[in-house]
PDB file of N, CA and C in Angstrom:
ATOM      1  N   MET A   1       6.184 -10.914 -10.742  1.00  0.00           N
ATOM      2  CA  MET A   1       6.299  -9.742  -9.900  1.00  0.00           C
ATOM      3  C   MET A   1       6.025 -10.153  -8.463  1.00  0.00           C
ATOM      4  N   PRO A   2       6.861  -9.737  -7.528  1.00  0.00           N
ATOM      5  CA  PRO A   2       6.640 -10.108  -6.131  1.00  0.00           C
ATOM      6  C   PRO A   2       5.400  -9.440  -5.562  1.00  0.00           C
ATOM      7  N   GLU A   3       4.808 -10.110  -4.590  1.00  0.00           N
ATOM      8  CA  GLU A   3       3.633  -9.566  -3.917  1.00  0.00           C
ATOM      9  C   GLU A   3       4.032  -8.364  -3.069  1.00  0.00           C
ATOM     10  N   PRO A   4       3.153  -7.374  -2.927  1.00  0.00           N
ATOM     11  CA  PRO A   4       3.457  -6.235  -2.049  1.00  0.00           C
ATOM     12  C   PRO A   4       3.559  -6.696  -0.600  1.00  0.00           C
ATOM     13  N   HIS A   5       4.430  -6.091   0.144  1.00  0.00           N
ATOM     14  CA  HIS A   5       4.561  -6.401   1.568  1.00  0.00           C
ATOM     15  C   HIS A   5       5.063  -5.163   2.303  1.00  0.00           C
ATOM     16  N   GLY A   6       4.914  -5.174   3.613  1.00  0.00           N
ATOM     17  CA  GLY A   6       5.407  -4.071   4.425  1.00  0.00           C
ATOM     18  C   GLY A   6       4.378  -2.997   4.704  1.00  0.00           C
ATOM     19  N   PHE A   7       3.160  -3.162   4.222  1.00  0.00           N
ATOM     20  CA  PHE A   7       2.120  -2.171   4.462  1.00  0.00           C
ATOM     21  C   PHE A   7       1.387  -2.482   5.764  1.00  0.00           C
ATOM     22  N   ALA A   8       0.947  -1.433   6.433  1.00  0.00           N
ATOM     23  CA  ALA A   8       0.135  -1.559   7.647  1.00  0.00           C
ATOM     24  C   ALA A   8      -0.794  -0.356   7.696  1.00  0.00           C
ATOM     25  N   TYR A   9      -1.893  -0.508   8.422  1.00  0.00           N
ATOM     26  CA  TYR A   9      -2.805   0.621   8.566  1.00  0.00           C
ATOM     27  C   TYR A   9      -3.333   0.682   9.983  1.00  0.00           C
ATOM     28  N   THR A  10      -3.707   1.899  10.394  1.00  0.00           N
ATOM     29  CA  THR A  10      -4.331   2.113  11.692  1.00  0.00           C
ATOM     30  C   THR A  10      -5.549   2.994  11.476  1.00  0.00           C
ATOM     31  N   VAL A  11      -6.564   2.745  12.295  1.00  0.00           N
ATOM     32  CA  VAL A  11      -7.787   3.542  12.237  1.00  0.00           C
ATOM     33  C   VAL A  11      -7.858   4.346  13.525  1.00  0.00           C
ATOM     34  N   THR A  12      -8.011   5.661  13.402  1.00  0.00           N
ATOM     35  CA  THR A  12      -8.108   6.519  14.582  1.00  0.00           C
ATOM     36  C   THR A  12      -9.547   6.568  15.076  1.00  0.00           C
ATOM     37  N   GLY A  13      -9.757   7.192  16.188  1.00  0.00           N
ATOM     38  CA  GLY A  13     -11.072   7.281  16.798  1.00  0.00           C
ATOM     39  C   GLY A  13     -12.088   8.041  15.963  1.00  0.00           C
ATOM     40  N   ASN A  14     -11.636   8.977  15.147  1.00  0.00           N
ATOM     41  CA  ASN A  14     -12.565   9.759  14.322  1.00  0.00           C
ATOM     42  C   ASN A  14     -12.775   9.160  12.934  1.00  0.00           C
ATOM     43  N   GLY A  15     -12.264   7.934  12.684  1.00  0.00           N
ATOM     44  CA  GLY A  15     -12.484   7.249  11.416  1.00  0.00           C
ATOM     45  C   GLY A  15     -11.423   7.466  10.364  1.00  0.00           C
ATOM     46  N   THR A  16     -10.398   8.227  10.674  1.00  0.00           N
ATOM     47  CA  THR A  16      -9.300   8.454   9.735  1.00  0.00           C
ATOM     48  C   THR A  16      -8.432   7.201   9.668  1.00  0.00           C
ATOM     49  N   VAL A  17      -8.014   6.847   8.453  1.00  0.00           N
ATOM     50  CA  VAL A  17      -7.148   5.687   8.247  1.00  0.00           C
ATOM     51  C   VAL A  17      -5.776   6.189   7.834  1.00  0.00           C
ATOM     52  N   ARG A  18      -4.754   5.718   8.515  1.00  0.00           N
ATOM     53  CA  ARG A  18      -3.371   6.083   8.194  1.00  0.00           C
ATOM     54  C   ARG A  18      -2.664   4.830   7.699  1.00  0.00           C
ATOM     55  N   ILE A  19      -2.118   4.880   6.473  1.00  0.00           N
ATOM     56  CA  ILE A  19      -1.416   3.738   5.885  1.00  0.00           C
ATOM     57  C   ILE A  19       0.078   4.023   5.905  1.00  0.00           C
ATOM     58  N   THR A  20       0.839   3.036   6.365  1.00  0.00           N
ATOM     59  CA  THR A  20       2.298   3.149   6.396  1.00  0.00           C
ATOM     60  C   THR A  20       2.912   2.038   5.550  1.00  0.00           C
ATOM     61  N   HIS A  21       4.108   2.288   5.077  1.00  0.00           N
ATOM     62  CA  HIS A  21       4.876   1.293   4.342  1.00  0.00           C
ATOM     63  C   HIS A  21       6.249   1.214   4.974  1.00  0.00           C
ATOM     64  N   HIS A  22       6.566   0.071   5.557  1.00  0.00           N
ATOM     65  CA  HIS A  22       7.814  -0.120   6.315  1.00  0.00           C
ATOM     66  C   HIS A  22       7.982   0.986   7.358  1.00  0.00           C
ATOM     67  N   HIS A  23       6.933   1.258   8.094  1.00  0.00           N
ATOM     68  CA  HIS A  23       6.881   2.222   9.199  1.00  0.00           C
ATOM     69  C   HIS A  23       7.013   3.681   8.756  1.00  0.00           C
ATOM     70  N   ASN A  24       6.950   3.953   7.457  1.00  0.00           N
ATOM     71  CA  ASN A  24       6.971   5.322   6.948  1.00  0.00           C
ATOM     72  C   ASN A  24       5.572   5.691   6.466  1.00  0.00           C
ATOM     73  N   HIS A  25       5.136   6.893   6.794  1.00  0.00           N
ATOM     74  CA  HIS A  25       3.797   7.341   6.406  1.00  0.00           C
ATOM     75  C   HIS A  25       3.663   7.328   4.887  1.00  0.00           C
ATOM     76  N   ALA A  26       2.604   6.676   4.380  1.00  0.00           N
ATOM     77  CA  ALA A  26       2.355   6.627   2.943  1.00  0.00           C
ATOM     78  C   ALA A  26       1.176   7.514   2.558  1.00  0.00           C
ATOM     79  N   THR A  27       0.060   7.411   3.268  1.00  0.00           N
ATOM     80  CA  THR A  27      -1.107   8.235   2.962  1.00  0.00           C
ATOM     81  C   THR A  27      -2.080   8.235   4.131  1.00  0.00           C
ATOM     82  N   THR A  28      -2.986   9.213   4.112  1.00  0.00           N
ATOM     83  CA  THR A  28      -4.047   9.318   5.107  1.00  0.00           C
ATOM     84  C   THR A  28      -5.372   9.417   4.367  1.00  0.00           C
ATOM     85  N   LEU A  29      -6.356   8.644   4.803  1.00  0.00           N
ATOM     86  CA  LEU A  29      -7.679   8.640   4.187  1.00  0.00           C
ATOM     87  C   LEU A  29      -8.696   9.126   5.202  1.00  0.00           C
ATOM     88  N   ASN A  30      -9.614   9.984   4.751  1.00  0.00           N
ATOM     89  CA  ASN A  30     -10.653  10.538   5.617  1.00  0.00           C
ATOM     90  C   ASN A  30     -12.024  10.284   5.009  1.00  0.00           C
ATOM     91  N   GLY A  31     -13.046  10.323   5.846  1.00  0.00           N
ATOM     92  CA  GLY A  31     -14.438  10.312   5.400  1.00  0.00           C
ATOM     93  C   GLY A  31     -14.823   9.109   4.569  1.00  0.00           C
ATOM     94  N   SER A  32     -15.454   9.375   3.420  1.00  0.00           N
ATOM     95  CA  SER A  32     -15.971   8.289   2.582  1.00  0.00           C
ATOM     96  C   SER A  32     -14.849   7.460   1.963  1.00  0.00           C
ATOM     97  N   ARG A  33     -13.708   8.074   1.696  1.00  0.00           N
ATOM     98  CA  ARG A  33     -12.570   7.313   1.155  1.00  0.00           C
ATOM     99  C   ARG A  33     -12.081   6.302   2.176  1.00  0.00           C
ATOM    100  N   ALA A  34     -12.041   6.682   3.451  1.00  0.00           N
ATOM    101  CA  ALA A  34     -11.628   5.760   4.507  1.00  0.00           C
ATOM    102  C   ALA A  34     -12.623   4.610   4.624  1.00  0.00           C
ATOM    103  N   ALA A  35     -13.920   4.908   4.521  1.00  0.00           N
ATOM    104  CA  ALA A  35     -14.942   3.868   4.609  1.00  0.00           C
ATOM    105  C   ALA A  35     -14.829   2.882   3.447  1.00  0.00           C
ATOM    106  N   ARG A  36     -14.615   3.394   2.221  1.00  0.00           N
ATOM    107  CA  ARG A  36     -14.444   2.506   1.064  1.00  0.00           C
ATOM    108  C   ARG A  36     -13.202   1.639   1.212  1.00  0.00           C
ATOM    109  N   PHE A  37     -12.113   2.230   1.727  1.00  0.00           N
ATOM    110  CA  PHE A  37     -10.884   1.480   1.945  1.00  0.00           C
ATOM    111  C   PHE A  37     -11.122   0.328   2.924  1.00  0.00           C
ATOM    112  N   LEU A  38     -11.797   0.598   4.018  1.00  0.00           N
ATOM    113  CA  LEU A  38     -12.050  -0.440   5.021  1.00  0.00           C
ATOM    114  C   LEU A  38     -12.934  -1.552   4.478  1.00  0.00           C
ATOM    115  N   GLU A  39     -13.860  -1.236   3.581  1.00  0.00           N
ATOM    116  CA  GLU A  39     -14.669  -2.269   2.934  1.00  0.00           C
ATOM    117  C   GLU A  39     -13.806  -3.146   2.037  1.00  0.00           C
ATOM    118  N   GLU A  40     -12.917  -2.525   1.268  1.00  0.00           N
ATOM    119  CA  GLU A  40     -12.043  -3.275   0.360  1.00  0.00           C
ATOM    120  C   GLU A  40     -11.045  -4.140   1.117  1.00  0.00           C
ATOM    121  N   ILE A  41     -10.558  -3.652   2.237  1.00  0.00           N
ATOM    122  CA  ILE A  41      -9.551  -4.368   3.017  1.00  0.00           C
ATOM    123  C   ILE A  41     -10.101  -5.712   3.498  1.00  0.00           C
ATOM    124  N   THR A  42     -11.395  -5.743   3.866  1.00  0.00           N
ATOM    125  CA  THR A  42     -11.989  -6.979   4.356  1.00  0.00           C
ATOM    126  C   THR A  42     -12.318  -7.944   3.225  1.00  0.00           C
ATOM    127  N   ALA A  43     -12.480  -7.435   1.997  1.00  0.00           N
ATOM    128  CA  ALA A  43     -12.880  -8.275   0.874  1.00  0.00           C
ATOM    129  C   ALA A  43     -11.703  -8.870   0.100  1.00  0.00           C
ATOM    130  N   GLY A  44     -10.539  -8.247   0.155  1.00  0.00           N
ATOM    131  CA  GLY A  44      -9.425  -8.705  -0.671  1.00  0.00           C
ATOM    132  C   GLY A  44      -8.140  -8.871   0.112  1.00  0.00           C
ATOM    133  N   ASP A  45      -7.046  -9.037  -0.620  1.00  0.00           N
ATOM    134  CA  ASP A  45      -5.722  -9.158  -0.026  1.00  0.00           C
ATOM    135  C   ASP A  45      -5.311  -7.802   0.552  1.00  0.00           C
ATOM    136  N   PRO A  46      -5.138  -7.698   1.859  1.00  0.00           N
ATOM    137  CA  PRO A  46      -4.850  -6.395   2.471  1.00  0.00           C
ATOM    138  C   PRO A  46      -3.597  -5.709   1.916  1.00  0.00           C
ATOM    139  N   GLN A  47      -2.531  -6.450   1.673  1.00  0.00           N
ATOM    140  CA  GLN A  47      -1.305  -5.836   1.174  1.00  0.00           C
ATOM    141  C   GLN A  47      -1.510  -5.259  -0.227  1.00  0.00           C
ATOM    142  N   LEU A  48      -2.211  -5.985  -1.066  1.00  0.00           N
ATOM    143  CA  LEU A  48      -2.468  -5.525  -2.421  1.00  0.00           C
ATOM    144  C   LEU A  48      -3.393  -4.308  -2.423  1.00  0.00           C
ATOM    145  N   VAL A  49      -4.401  -4.314  -1.565  1.00  0.00           N
ATOM    146  CA  VAL A  49      -5.330  -3.185  -1.461  1.00  0.00           C
ATOM    147  C   VAL A  49      -4.583  -1.934  -1.000  1.00  0.00           C
ATOM    148  N   MET A  50      -3.733  -2.070   0.024  1.00  0.00           N
ATOM    149  CA  MET A  50      -2.992  -0.906   0.518  1.00  0.00           C
ATOM    150  C   MET A  50      -2.012  -0.387  -0.525  1.00  0.00           C
ATOM    151  N   ALA A  51      -1.374  -1.281  -1.271  1.00  0.00           N
ATOM    152  CA  ALA A  51      -0.456  -0.848  -2.328  1.00  0.00           C
ATOM    153  C   ALA A  51      -1.206  -0.042  -3.379  1.00  0.00           C
ATOM    154  N   ARG A  52      -2.393  -0.505  -3.735  1.00  0.00           N
ATOM    155  CA  ARG A  52      -3.171   0.203  -4.743  1.00  0.00           C
ATOM    156  C   ARG A  52      -3.639   1.563  -4.231  1.00  0.00           C
ATOM    157  N   TRP A  53      -4.100   1.647  -3.000  1.00  0.00           N
ATOM    158  CA  TRP A  53      -4.601   2.908  -2.451  1.00  0.00           C
ATOM    159  C   TRP A  53      -3.485   3.932  -2.252  1.00  0.00           C
ATOM    160  N   THR A  54      -2.262   3.482  -2.028  1.00  0.00           N
ATOM    161  CA  THR A  54      -1.162   4.427  -1.848  1.00  0.00           C
ATOM    162  C   THR A  54      -0.519   4.817  -3.168  1.00  0.00           C
ATOM    163  N   GLY A  55      -0.875   4.137  -4.246  1.00  0.00           N
ATOM    164  CA  GLY A  55      -0.278   4.444  -5.541  1.00  0.00           C
ATOM    165  C   GLY A  55       1.031   3.727  -5.770  1.00  0.00           C
ATOM    166  N   ASN A  56       1.423   2.866  -4.848  1.00  0.00           N
ATOM    167  CA  ASN A  56       2.673   2.130  -4.963  1.00  0.00           C
ATOM    168  C   ASN A  56       2.375   0.752  -5.556  1.00  0.00           C
ATOM    169  N   TYR A  57       1.925   0.740  -6.825  1.00  0.00           N
ATOM    170  CA  TYR A  57       1.419  -0.485  -7.413  1.00  0.00           C
ATOM    171  C   TYR A  57       1.759  -0.536  -8.892  1.00  0.00           C
ATOM    172  N   LYS A  58       2.507  -1.525  -9.296  1.00  0.00           N
ATOM    173  CA  LYS A  58       2.831  -1.787 -10.696  1.00  0.00           C
ATOM    174  C   LYS A  58       3.275  -0.541 -11.447  1.00  0.00           C
ATOM    175  N   HIS A  59       4.480  -0.117 -11.181  1.00  0.00           N
ATOM    176  CA  HIS A  59       5.024   1.051 -11.868  1.00  0.00           C
ATOM    177  C   HIS A  59       5.446   0.736 -13.303  1.00  0.00           C
ATOM    178  N   GLY A  60       5.687  -0.521 -13.598  1.00  0.00           N
ATOM    179  CA  GLY A  60       6.084  -0.907 -14.936  1.00  0.00           C
ATOM    180  C   GLY A  60       7.580  -1.058 -15.105  1.00  0.00           C
ATOM    181  N   ASN A  61       8.352  -0.647 -14.119  1.00  0.00           N
ATOM    182  CA  ASN A  61       9.807  -0.728 -14.251  1.00  0.00           C
ATOM    183  C   ASN A  61      10.393  -1.816 -13.351  1.00  0.00           C
ATOM    184  N   GLU A  62       9.579  -2.721 -12.842  1.00  0.00           N
ATOM    185  CA  GLU A  62      10.077  -3.719 -11.907  1.00  0.00           C
ATOM    186  C   GLU A  62      11.134  -4.622 -12.534  1.00  0.00           C
ATOM    187  N   ARG A  63      10.889  -5.066 -13.767  1.00  0.00           N
ATOM    188  CA  ARG A  63      11.837  -5.966 -14.419  1.00  0.00           C
ATOM    189  C   ARG A  63      13.146  -5.234 -14.720  1.00  0.00           C
ATOM    190  N   ALA A  64      13.063  -4.005 -15.204  1.00  0.00           N
ATOM    191  CA  ALA A  64      14.262  -3.235 -15.514  1.00  0.00           C
ATOM    192  C   ALA A  64      15.064  -2.955 -14.252  1.00  0.00           C
ATOM    193  N   ALA A  65      14.388  -2.644 -13.171  1.00  0.00           N
ATOM    194  CA  ALA A  65      15.087  -2.356 -11.917  1.00  0.00           C
ATOM    195  C   ALA A  65      15.763  -3.604 -11.370  1.00  0.00           C
ATOM    196  N   ARG A  66      15.114  -4.744 -11.505  1.00  0.00           N
ATOM    197  CA  ARG A  66      15.689  -5.989 -10.994  1.00  0.00           C
ATOM    198  C   ARG A  66      16.970  -6.340 -11.745  1.00  0.00           C
ATOM    199  N   ASN A  67      17.049  -6.002 -13.031  1.00  0.00           N
ATOM    200  CA  ASN A  67      18.206  -6.365 -13.841  1.00  0.00           C
ATOM    201  C   ASN A  67      19.315  -5.317 -13.822  1.00  0.00           C
ATOM    202  N   HIS A  68      19.111  -4.222 -13.123  1.00  0.00           N
ATOM    203  CA  HIS A  68      20.128  -3.180 -13.038  1.00  0.00           C
ATOM    204  C   HIS A  68      21.334  -3.725 -12.265  1.00  0.00           C
ATOM    205  N   PRO A  69      22.570  -3.410 -12.686  1.00  0.00           N
ATOM    206  CA  PRO A  69      23.758  -3.943 -12.007  1.00  0.00           C
ATOM    207  C   PRO A  69      23.805  -3.669 -10.507  1.00  0.00           C
ATOM    208  N   ARG A  70      23.252  -2.552 -10.077  1.00  0.00           N
ATOM    209  CA  ARG A  70      23.255  -2.212  -8.662  1.00  0.00           C
ATOM    210  C   ARG A  70      22.397  -3.194  -7.861  1.00  0.00           C
ATOM    211  N   ASN A  71      21.400  -3.790  -8.473  1.00  0.00           N
ATOM    212  CA  ASN A  71      20.473  -4.666  -7.768  1.00  0.00           C
ATOM    213  C   ASN A  71      20.729  -6.146  -7.974  1.00  0.00           C
ATOM    214  N   ARG A  72      21.835  -6.514  -8.589  1.00  0.00           N
ATOM    215  CA  ARG A  72      22.130  -7.916  -8.914  1.00  0.00           C
ATOM    216  C   ARG A  72      22.926  -8.631  -7.833  1.00  0.00           C
ATOM    217  N   ARG A  73      22.877  -8.240  -6.667  1.00  0.00           N
ATOM    218  CA  ARG A  73      23.708  -8.828  -5.594  1.00  0.00           C
ATOM    219  C   ARG A  73      23.506 -10.266  -5.444  1.00  0.00           C
TER     220      ARG A  73
END
């Protein structure tokens, strides 16, 4: 399975964290959730952490989607 990529995050002045995926808004974290996210980001792989926090992580259909005729270019 390929590694997650394309995620980015910004922290606002009031502590809110905004996560984007390929420049599209994915989620916003506030308060204690934002603090936990920032702790995890420094401890692990940032792309993998952001994928997990946004829910865009291991859907289970990656192999089936890769083998679909539309994706066989």
